[in-house]
């Protein structure tokens, strides 16, 4: 009995005060017990260090994603995380169905369209297009060919009508930069030729530029002007982007993909594919939503080439056949032009969507461009200029109106994105509550089909 008491005393004397030790462990060999306790301490330290590294990695990834469309700085990618961010897909998944919301109305990953047109005919037509940019025929490409040519005739008739006005602008710019004219079809996938298309995450215009990318390519965004919606300037920026992208990748399919998900994600996919730059080799490694972007581009190009064979007809969308460009050196409101000259407000807004408050902010030092239908150029120039600029001036250009425009800019900035890495104990409800968003929003932003998440997974959150 005395020996048992002494053994027990020695056993408890080597256990640190406050340590939680299971009863069954008390009778393990002291040396083994000491090693296991030391391992526990080390594991705790490693876990803490890993949590710190996870936070640092998330911050780094946020910085890299902010630079996703800028080529000045080489990016270093985290190969262990599949980034599923996609400007196009975030827009499609986050908005209610709109006229220009097309591709992701359908789950193209699991859907196979039927068509009365035999595959052999589609293959021949695709080859006969002799396009500068093309893809081999397969089920993925075929699905998008059927989608654009057969599954949305009302939208495509409207887009065909709009293309008569917009495509000549795009072609002139692409030719200026010695780029394939087929790149104009990217605008169909991006916005269905809607010059004021605005995504849930802040991308705007026919070419869907994010704020940072727009600024890096020289587009002005301020309280009165958003040049992402200035069609000639936006396509010029898009052309310069594509020229840069082709210099980086040397392949048009990869350059087009980078427009959707950023050059860093394409570079990562190339590495994962063993260095191959063939689109179908890197296809499985691209962000899920980006995989369909190039096939959608080919589908749109196919539909525009063979729209007559599918019974499609360009709608008369009211866009003028000819326009004139005027320079405005003073502040001028669309309503002044409408009420004094007679130009319809719809024409003014359709041709000049970059003026977000219907105010042309011309100054003595810098002129602004005004697009007018050709038939209204004469009446505008013939109008008495004093009467035009002074018409309802105090009402339309009051300090309150101008201040409201400034405040609107402050409250309508691009939503801030946060990169969050899932930690032990996290679940969607907890993450949503902590970040003042909803579970449904997190699932939409990250394309989650269920509430299941895993430790280490990257989630993208957007501030309200």
Protein backbone atom coordinates (compact mmCIF):
# COMPACT_ATOMS: atom_id res chain seq x y z
CA UNK A 1 0.00 0.00 0.00
CA UNK A 2 2.84 2.34 0.90
CA UNK A 3 4.54 1.58 -2.44
CA UNK A 4 1.29 2.40 -4.30
CA UNK A 5 0.98 5.77 -2.53
CA UNK A 6 4.58 6.67 -3.38
CA UNK A 7 4.10 5.67 -7.03
CA UNK A 8 0.95 7.76 -7.23
CA UNK A 9 2.79 10.75 -5.72
CA UNK A 10 5.59 10.43 -8.25
CA UNK A 11 3.04 10.09 -11.08
CA UNK A 12 1.18 13.27 -10.21
CA UNK A 13 4.33 15.24 -9.46
CA UNK A 14 5.40 15.18 -13.12
CA UNK A 15 2.04 16.42 -14.45
CA UNK A 16 2.03 20.21 -14.92
CA UNK A 17 -0.47 22.16 -12.86
CA UNK A 18 -3.71 22.77 -14.70
CA UNK A 19 -2.99 20.13 -17.38
CA UNK A 20 -6.00 18.12 -18.54
CA UNK A 21 -4.88 14.49 -18.61
CA UNK A 22 -7.31 11.62 -19.28
CA UNK A 23 -7.48 9.10 -16.40
CA UNK A 24 -6.32 6.24 -18.65
CA UNK A 25 -3.14 8.19 -19.47
CA UNK A 26 -2.08 8.30 -15.80
CA UNK A 27 -0.80 4.76 -15.99
CA UNK A 28 1.27 5.16 -19.16
CA UNK A 29 5.05 5.04 -18.92
CA UNK A 30 6.26 8.50 -17.77
CA UNK A 31 8.63 8.90 -20.72
CA UNK A 32 5.93 8.07 -23.25
CA UNK A 33 3.50 10.37 -21.51
CA UNK A 34 6.02 13.22 -21.57
CA UNK A 35 6.64 12.74 -25.31
CA UNK A 36 2.92 12.74 -26.05
CA UNK A 37 2.40 15.92 -24.03
CA UNK A 38 5.28 17.59 -25.86
CA UNK A 39 3.76 16.52 -29.18
CA UNK A 40 0.45 18.07 -28.12
CA UNK A 41 2.17 21.37 -27.36
CA UNK A 42 3.97 21.30 -30.69
CA UNK A 43 0.76 20.51 -32.57
CA UNK A 44 -0.93 23.47 -30.88
CA UNK A 45 1.90 25.75 -31.97
CA UNK A 46 1.81 24.36 -35.52
CA UNK A 47 -1.96 24.89 -35.70
CA UNK A 48 -1.54 28.49 -34.56
CA UNK A 49 1.19 29.04 -37.13
CA UNK A 50 -0.94 27.45 -39.85
CA UNK A 51 -3.86 29.74 -38.97
CA UNK A 52 -1.53 32.73 -39.28
CA UNK A 53 -0.24 31.48 -42.63
CA UNK A 54 -3.83 30.93 -43.83
CA UNK A 55 -4.70 34.53 -43.00
CA UNK A 56 -1.58 35.80 -44.74
CA UNK A 57 -2.33 33.66 -47.80
CA UNK A 58 -5.90 34.98 -47.95
CA UNK A 59 -4.65 38.56 -47.79
CA UNK A 60 -2.07 37.86 -50.50
CA UNK A 61 -4.68 36.27 -52.72
CA UNK A 62 -6.92 39.31 -52.26
CA UNK A 63 -4.10 41.56 -53.43
CA UNK A 64 -3.40 39.31 -56.41
CA UNK A 65 -7.04 39.17 -57.43
CA UNK A 66 -7.19 42.98 -57.35
CA UNK A 67 -4.41 42.91 -59.96
CA UNK A 68 -5.97 40.08 -61.98
CA UNK A 69 -6.40 42.11 -65.16
CA UNK A 70 -3.24 44.22 -64.95
CA UNK A 71 -0.15 43.00 -66.76
CA UNK A 72 2.46 45.37 -65.34
CA UNK A 73 3.28 43.10 -62.39
CA UNK A 74 3.94 39.33 -62.72
CA UNK A 75 1.64 37.34 -60.45
CA UNK A 76 2.54 34.43 -58.21
CA UNK A 77 -0.35 32.02 -57.82
CA UNK A 78 -1.29 29.67 -55.00
CA UNK A 79 -1.51 26.31 -56.77
CA UNK A 80 -3.23 24.66 -53.83
CA UNK A 81 -6.47 26.64 -54.08
CA UNK A 82 -8.91 26.48 -56.96
CA UNK A 83 -10.02 30.03 -57.55
CA UNK A 84 -13.55 30.07 -58.90
CA UNK A 85 -14.00 33.80 -59.22
CA UNK A 86 -15.30 34.89 -62.59
CA UNK A 87 -16.55 38.30 -63.50
CA UNK A 88 -18.96 36.90 -66.01
CA UNK A 89 -20.32 34.16 -63.79
CA UNK A 90 -20.63 36.32 -60.69
CA UNK A 91 -22.70 38.71 -62.74
CA UNK A 92 -24.90 35.99 -64.21
CA UNK A 93 -25.40 34.18 -60.91
CA UNK A 94 -26.04 37.26 -58.75
CA UNK A 95 -28.55 39.18 -60.86
CA UNK A 96 -32.15 38.46 -61.66
CA UNK A 97 -32.66 37.25 -65.22
CA UNK A 98 -32.31 40.20 -67.58
CA UNK A 99 -32.32 40.72 -71.31
CA UNK A 100 -28.56 40.29 -71.50
CA UNK A 101 -28.36 37.40 -69.00
CA UNK A 102 -27.87 34.47 -71.31
CA UNK A 103 -25.24 31.82 -70.88
CA UNK A 104 -25.75 30.95 -67.22
CA UNK A 105 -29.51 30.76 -67.45
CA UNK A 106 -28.65 27.17 -68.30
CA UNK A 107 -26.43 24.71 -66.43
CA UNK A 108 -24.19 24.05 -69.38
CA UNK A 109 -22.06 21.54 -67.45
CA UNK A 110 -24.87 19.00 -67.21
CA UNK A 111 -27.09 19.93 -70.15
CA UNK A 112 -26.99 18.56 -73.68
CA UNK A 113 -29.17 20.41 -76.17
CA UNK A 114 -30.96 18.60 -78.94
CA UNK A 115 -31.02 20.05 -82.44
CA UNK A 116 -32.53 19.20 -85.79
CA UNK A 117 -29.26 20.22 -87.40
CA UNK A 118 -26.97 17.16 -87.70
CA UNK A 119 -23.55 17.31 -86.11
CA UNK A 120 -21.98 16.73 -89.51
CA UNK A 121 -23.57 19.96 -90.78
CA UNK A 122 -22.35 21.90 -87.74
CA UNK A 123 -18.84 20.54 -88.20
CA UNK A 124 -18.81 21.56 -91.85
CA UNK A 125 -20.18 25.02 -91.09
CA UNK A 126 -17.65 25.56 -88.32
CA UNK A 127 -14.83 24.64 -90.70
CA UNK A 128 -16.25 26.80 -93.50
CA UNK A 129 -16.20 29.85 -91.23
CA UNK A 130 -12.41 29.81 -91.64
CA UNK A 131 -12.22 32.02 -88.57
CA UNK A 132 -8.95 33.33 -87.21
CA UNK A 133 -10.02 32.03 -83.81
CA UNK A 134 -11.73 28.65 -83.68
CA UNK A 135 -12.00 25.50 -81.61
CA UNK A 136 -12.35 21.83 -82.50
CA UNK A 137 -15.92 20.59 -82.54
CA UNK A 138 -16.96 18.67 -79.42
CA UNK A 139 -20.00 18.39 -77.17
CA UNK A 140 -19.12 21.51 -75.18
CA UNK A 141 -18.69 23.69 -78.25
CA UNK A 142 -21.75 22.15 -79.87
CA UNK A 143 -23.92 23.01 -76.86
CA UNK A 144 -23.03 26.68 -77.10
CA UNK A 145 -23.55 26.68 -80.87
CA UNK A 146 -27.07 25.39 -80.31
CA UNK A 147 -27.67 27.78 -77.40
CA UNK A 148 -26.93 30.93 -79.36
CA UNK A 149 -28.47 29.84 -82.65
CA UNK A 150 -31.64 28.09 -81.44
CA UNK A 151 -32.51 28.57 -77.77
CA UNK A 152 -33.03 32.34 -77.46
CA UNK A 153 -34.33 33.74 -80.76
CA UNK A 154 -35.94 36.86 -79.23
CA UNK A 155 -32.71 37.98 -77.60
CA UNK A 156 -30.57 37.09 -80.58
CA UNK A 157 -32.85 39.02 -82.98
CA UNK A 158 -32.36 42.08 -80.80
CA UNK A 159 -28.60 41.59 -80.54
CA UNK A 160 -28.36 41.14 -84.30
CA UNK A 161 -30.10 44.50 -84.67
CA UNK A 162 -27.77 46.19 -82.18
CA UNK A 163 -24.70 44.74 -83.88
CA UNK A 164 -25.40 46.80 -87.01
CA UNK A 165 -24.55 49.89 -84.93
CA UNK A 166 -21.89 48.59 -82.54
CA UNK A 167 -19.87 46.15 -84.64
CA UNK A 168 -18.48 48.76 -87.07
CA UNK A 169 -17.12 50.67 -84.04
CA UNK A 170 -15.53 47.50 -82.67
CA UNK A 171 -14.08 46.45 -86.03
CA UNK A 172 -12.47 49.85 -86.62
CA UNK A 173 -10.78 49.72 -83.21
CA UNK A 174 -9.64 46.10 -83.51
CA UNK A 175 -8.19 46.83 -86.94
CA UNK A 176 -6.32 49.83 -85.51
CA UNK A 177 -4.51 47.49 -83.10
CA UNK A 178 -4.06 44.78 -85.76
CA UNK A 179 -6.26 42.34 -83.83
CA UNK A 180 -8.60 39.66 -85.24
CA UNK A 181 -11.99 41.21 -85.97
CA UNK A 182 -13.64 38.09 -84.50
CA UNK A 183 -12.84 39.43 -81.04
CA UNK A 184 -15.94 41.61 -81.40
CA UNK A 185 -18.03 38.54 -80.49
CA UNK A 186 -16.65 38.68 -76.95
CA UNK A 187 -19.07 41.57 -76.39
CA UNK A 188 -21.98 39.20 -76.99
CA UNK A 189 -20.82 36.88 -74.23
CA UNK A 190 -20.03 39.79 -71.93
CA UNK A 191 -23.20 41.86 -72.18
CA UNK A 192 -25.40 40.96 -75.16
CA UNK A 193 -24.46 44.45 -76.43
CA UNK A 194 -26.04 46.27 -73.51
CA UNK A 195 -23.95 49.46 -73.03
CA UNK A 196 -25.26 50.00 -69.50
CA UNK A 197 -25.01 46.40 -68.30
CA UNK A 198 -23.93 46.44 -64.65
CA UNK A 199 -22.84 43.37 -62.73
CA UNK A 200 -23.45 42.57 -59.09
CA UNK A 201 -19.75 43.08 -58.40
CA UNK A 202 -19.44 46.41 -60.17
CA UNK A 203 -18.39 45.54 -63.74
CA UNK A 204 -19.99 47.89 -66.26
CA UNK A 205 -20.58 48.45 -69.93
CA UNK A 206 -20.64 46.36 -73.07
CA UNK A 207 -17.12 45.14 -72.27
CA UNK A 208 -17.78 44.64 -68.53
CA UNK A 209 -14.77 46.38 -67.01
CA UNK A 210 -14.16 46.34 -63.29
CA UNK A 211 -13.19 49.70 -61.78
CA UNK A 212 -9.50 48.93 -61.18
CA UNK A 213 -9.00 47.43 -64.61
CA UNK A 214 -10.79 50.36 -66.23
CA UNK A 215 -8.53 52.85 -64.45
CA UNK A 216 -5.41 50.88 -65.34
CA UNK A 217 -6.38 51.09 -69.03
CA UNK A 218 -7.07 54.81 -68.91
CA UNK A 219 -10.86 54.90 -68.58
CA UNK A 220 -12.19 57.79 -66.53
CA UNK A 221 -14.71 57.04 -63.80
CA UNK A 222 -15.93 59.98 -61.70
CA UNK A 223 -19.13 61.57 -60.45
CA UNK A 224 -20.40 62.49 -63.91
CA UNK A 225 -18.63 60.19 -66.38
CA UNK A 226 -18.16 56.44 -66.44
CA UNK A 227 -16.16 55.68 -69.55
CA UNK A 228 -16.71 51.97 -69.10
CA UNK A 229 -20.05 52.77 -70.74
CA UNK A 230 -18.46 54.98 -73.40
CA UNK A 231 -18.58 52.44 -76.21
CA UNK A 232 -15.65 53.70 -78.37
CA UNK A 233 -13.36 54.23 -75.37
CA UNK A 234 -14.30 50.93 -73.72
CA UNK A 235 -13.62 48.87 -76.85
CA UNK A 236 -10.30 50.69 -77.21
CA UNK A 237 -9.36 49.63 -73.68
CA UNK A 238 -10.57 46.07 -74.35
CA UNK A 239 -8.48 45.92 -77.52
CA UNK A 240 -5.37 47.06 -75.66
CA UNK A 241 -6.05 44.45 -72.98
CA UNK A 242 -6.36 41.70 -75.56
CA UNK A 243 -3.17 42.82 -77.30
CA UNK A 244 -1.37 42.62 -73.94
CA UNK A 245 -2.92 39.23 -73.19
CA UNK A 246 -1.86 37.77 -76.52
CA UNK A 247 1.71 38.94 -75.91
CA UNK A 248 1.65 37.02 -72.63
CA UNK A 249 0.01 33.78 -73.80
CA UNK A 250 0.62 33.64 -77.56
CA UNK A 251 -2.77 31.97 -78.06
CA UNK A 252 -6.13 33.63 -78.66
CA UNK A 253 -8.20 31.06 -76.75
CA UNK A 254 -6.02 31.64 -73.66
CA UNK A 255 -6.07 35.42 -74.13
CA UNK A 256 -9.87 35.36 -74.34
CA UNK A 257 -10.04 33.19 -71.22
CA UNK A 258 -7.85 35.66 -69.35
CA UNK A 259 -10.33 38.44 -70.13
CA UNK A 260 -12.87 36.48 -68.15
CA UNK A 261 -10.90 35.22 -65.16
CA UNK A 262 -7.63 37.15 -65.20
CA UNK A 263 -4.19 36.20 -66.49
CA UNK A 264 -3.14 34.72 -63.15
CA UNK A 265 -5.78 32.01 -63.26
CA UNK A 266 -4.85 31.10 -66.84
CA UNK A 267 -1.17 30.92 -65.87
CA UNK A 268 -2.07 28.65 -62.97
CA UNK A 269 -4.06 26.37 -65.29
CA UNK A 270 -1.08 26.16 -67.65
CA UNK A 271 1.17 25.08 -64.79
CA UNK A 272 -1.33 22.46 -63.65
CA UNK A 273 -1.53 21.15 -67.21
CA UNK A 274 2.21 20.55 -67.23
CA UNK A 275 3.01 23.69 -69.18
CA UNK A 276 0.68 23.01 -72.11
CA UNK A 277 -0.87 26.06 -73.79
CA UNK A 278 -3.50 24.08 -75.68
CA UNK A 279 -6.94 25.22 -74.52
CA UNK A 280 -8.43 21.76 -74.03
CA UNK A 281 -5.41 20.65 -72.00
CA UNK A 282 -5.85 23.50 -69.52
CA UNK A 283 -9.66 23.38 -69.71
CA UNK A 284 -10.14 21.18 -66.57
CA UNK A 285 -7.88 23.49 -64.54
CA UNK A 286 -9.61 26.77 -65.38
CA UNK A 287 -12.16 28.21 -62.93
CA UNK A 288 -15.39 26.33 -63.54
CA UNK A 289 -17.32 29.30 -64.94
CA UNK A 290 -14.46 30.33 -67.23
CA UNK A 291 -14.39 26.97 -68.98
CA UNK A 292 -17.49 27.85 -70.97
CA UNK A 293 -16.35 31.34 -71.91
CA UNK A 294 -14.36 30.46 -75.02
CA UNK A 295 -16.90 27.84 -76.23
CA UNK A 296 -19.60 30.51 -75.71
CA UNK A 297 -17.51 32.90 -77.81
CA UNK A 298 -17.38 30.30 -80.60
CA UNK A 299 -21.13 29.67 -80.22
CA UNK A 300 -21.91 33.39 -80.58
CA UNK A 301 -19.64 33.65 -83.64
CA UNK A 302 -21.35 30.62 -85.21
CA UNK A 303 -24.84 32.03 -84.59
CA UNK A 304 -23.94 35.37 -86.16
CA UNK A 305 -22.46 33.64 -89.20
CA UNK A 306 -25.45 31.34 -89.83
CA UNK A 307 -28.36 33.26 -88.29
CA UNK A 308 -30.33 33.18 -91.56
CA UNK A 309 -30.19 29.37 -91.65
CA UNK A 310 -31.84 29.37 -88.22
CA UNK A 311 -34.59 31.81 -89.14
CA UNK A 312 -33.21 34.69 -87.08
CA UNK A 313 -33.82 38.27 -88.21
CA UNK A 314 -32.18 41.48 -86.94
CA UNK A 315 -34.69 43.65 -85.11
CA UNK A 316 -35.02 47.34 -85.81
CA UNK A 317 -33.76 48.58 -82.45
CA UNK A 318 -33.94 52.29 -83.28
CA UNK A 319 -30.20 52.93 -83.36
CA UNK A 320 -29.34 55.56 -86.00
CA UNK A 321 -27.49 54.53 -89.11
CA UNK A 322 -25.29 57.65 -88.94
CA UNK A 323 -24.14 59.81 -86.04
CA UNK A 324 -22.09 62.94 -85.57
CA UNK A 325 -19.59 63.66 -82.82
CA UNK A 326 -19.68 67.12 -81.25
CA UNK A 327 -17.45 68.65 -78.59
CA UNK A 328 -19.10 70.34 -75.62
CA UNK A 329 -17.07 72.90 -73.64
CA UNK A 330 -19.64 73.77 -70.93
CA UNK A 331 -21.91 71.81 -68.63
CA UNK A 332 -24.99 70.79 -70.55
CA UNK A 333 -27.97 68.67 -69.47
CA UNK A 334 -29.69 66.19 -71.76
CA UNK A 335 -33.03 67.85 -70.92
CA UNK A 336 -31.72 71.18 -72.23
CA UNK A 337 -30.89 69.51 -75.54
CA UNK A 338 -34.20 67.66 -75.57
CA UNK A 339 -36.39 70.65 -74.76
CA UNK A 340 -34.58 73.30 -76.81
CA UNK A 341 -33.37 71.32 -79.84
CA UNK A 342 -35.87 68.45 -79.76
CA UNK A 343 -33.49 65.48 -79.69
CA UNK A 344 -35.36 62.57 -78.03
CA UNK A 345 -34.06 61.71 -74.54
CA UNK A 346 -33.89 58.05 -75.54
CA UNK A 347 -31.47 58.88 -78.37
CA UNK A 348 -29.32 61.02 -76.09
CA UNK A 349 -29.12 58.31 -73.44
CA UNK A 350 -28.59 55.43 -75.86
CA UNK A 351 -25.78 57.18 -77.72
CA UNK A 352 -24.13 58.72 -74.64
CA UNK A 353 -24.53 56.21 -71.79
CA UNK A 354 -21.28 57.32 -70.14
CA UNK A 355 -22.97 60.42 -68.68
CA UNK A 356 -24.48 58.76 -65.65
CA UNK A 357 -26.63 61.73 -64.54
CA UNK A 358 -27.57 62.99 -68.03
CA UNK A 359 -25.13 65.86 -67.47
CA UNK A 360 -22.27 66.51 -69.93
CA UNK A 361 -19.54 67.97 -67.67
CA UNK A 362 -17.71 70.05 -70.26
CA UNK A 363 -15.33 72.80 -69.11
CA UNK A 364 -13.34 75.61 -70.70
CA UNK A 365 -10.21 73.44 -70.35
CA UNK A 366 -11.56 70.08 -71.43
CA UNK A 367 -14.30 69.25 -73.91
CA UNK A 368 -16.67 66.31 -73.64
CA UNK A 369 -17.98 64.29 -76.56
CA UNK A 370 -21.65 64.29 -77.52
CA UNK A 371 -22.99 61.75 -80.02
CA UNK A 372 -26.09 62.83 -81.94
CA UNK A 373 -28.10 61.18 -84.71
CA UNK A 374 -27.02 62.77 -87.97
CA UNK A 375 -30.42 64.33 -88.60
CA UNK A 376 -30.18 66.32 -85.34
CA UNK A 377 -26.72 67.78 -85.95
CA UNK A 378 -28.01 70.75 -87.99
CA UNK A 379 -30.76 71.73 -85.53
CA UNK A 380 -28.29 71.50 -82.62
CA UNK A 381 -25.75 73.77 -84.34
CA UNK A 382 -28.46 76.18 -85.47
CA UNK A 383 -29.92 76.55 -81.98
CA UNK A 384 -29.16 79.77 -80.08
CA UNK A 385 -26.34 78.74 -77.76
CA UNK A 386 -27.27 81.16 -74.96
CA UNK A 387 -30.83 79.88 -74.97
CA UNK A 388 -29.59 76.29 -74.96
CA UNK A 389 -27.16 76.60 -72.08
CA UNK A 390 -29.36 78.89 -69.97
CA UNK A 391 -32.55 76.85 -70.38
CA UNK A 392 -33.74 75.84 -66.87
CA UNK A 393 -30.14 76.32 -65.75
CA UNK A 394 -30.87 77.02 -62.08
CA UNK A 395 -33.14 73.98 -61.89
CA UNK A 396 -31.09 71.45 -63.86
CA UNK A 397 -27.62 72.59 -62.74
CA UNK A 398 -28.33 73.76 -59.20
CA UNK A 399 -25.81 73.23 -56.41
CA UNK A 400 -28.13 70.60 -54.93
CA UNK A 401 -28.22 68.65 -58.20
CA UNK A 402 -24.45 68.73 -58.58
CA UNK A 403 -23.92 67.82 -54.93
CA UNK A 404 -26.34 64.88 -55.26
CA UNK A 405 -24.25 63.63 -58.19
CA UNK A 406 -21.12 63.78 -56.04
CA UNK A 407 -22.85 61.91 -53.21
CA UNK A 408 -24.11 59.27 -55.61
CA UNK A 409 -20.54 58.61 -56.68
CA UNK A 410 -19.53 58.15 -53.05
CA UNK A 411 -22.30 55.65 -52.34
CA UNK A 412 -22.22 53.69 -55.59
CA UNK A 413 -18.58 52.67 -55.70
CA UNK A 414 -17.56 49.15 -56.66
CA UNK A 415 -18.36 46.70 -53.85
CA UNK A 416 -15.32 45.76 -51.81
CA UNK A 417 -14.42 42.09 -52.00
CA UNK A 418 -13.05 40.15 -49.07
CA UNK A 419 -11.21 36.87 -49.47
CA UNK A 420 -12.09 34.54 -46.60
CA UNK A 421 -10.45 31.19 -45.89
CA UNK A 422 -12.65 28.69 -44.05
CA UNK A 423 -11.33 27.72 -40.61
CA UNK A 424 -12.08 24.92 -38.15
CA UNK A 425 -15.56 25.33 -36.70
CA UNK A 426 -16.82 27.54 -39.52
CA UNK A 427 -20.16 27.05 -41.20
CA UNK A 428 -22.02 29.30 -43.64
CA UNK A 429 -24.40 30.75 -41.07
CA UNK A 430 -21.54 31.73 -38.80
CA UNK A 431 -19.54 33.30 -41.64
CA UNK A 432 -22.62 35.15 -42.92
CA UNK A 433 -23.47 36.55 -39.49
CA UNK A 434 -19.90 37.64 -38.83
CA UNK A 435 -19.70 39.50 -42.15
CA UNK A 436 -23.24 40.94 -42.15
CA UNK A 437 -24.37 39.10 -45.28
CA UNK A 438 -26.75 36.21 -45.89
CA UNK A 439 -26.06 32.53 -46.52
CA UNK A 440 -27.87 32.82 -49.85
CA UNK A 441 -25.52 35.62 -50.90
CA UNK A 442 -22.42 33.62 -50.00
CA UNK A 443 -23.72 30.66 -52.00
CA UNK A 444 -24.46 32.85 -55.03
CA UNK A 445 -21.12 34.67 -54.92
CA UNK A 446 -19.23 31.38 -54.69
CA UNK A 447 -21.52 29.17 -56.80
CA UNK A 448 -22.16 26.72 -53.97
CA UNK A 449 -24.88 24.16 -54.55
CA UNK A 450 -25.05 23.12 -50.88
CA UNK A 451 -24.14 24.45 -47.46
CA UNK A 452 -21.10 22.19 -47.22
CA UNK A 453 -17.72 23.90 -46.94
CA UNK A 454 -14.28 22.56 -46.09
CA UNK A 455 -11.43 23.87 -43.98
CA UNK A 456 -9.03 25.88 -46.14
CA UNK A 457 -11.64 26.64 -48.81
CA UNK A 458 -11.59 30.19 -50.21
CA UNK A 459 -14.85 32.15 -50.13
CA UNK A 460 -15.44 35.55 -51.69
CA UNK A 461 -17.57 38.02 -49.76
CA UNK A 462 -18.81 41.43 -50.93
CA UNK A 463 -19.52 44.39 -48.67
CA UNK A 464 -22.98 45.85 -48.87
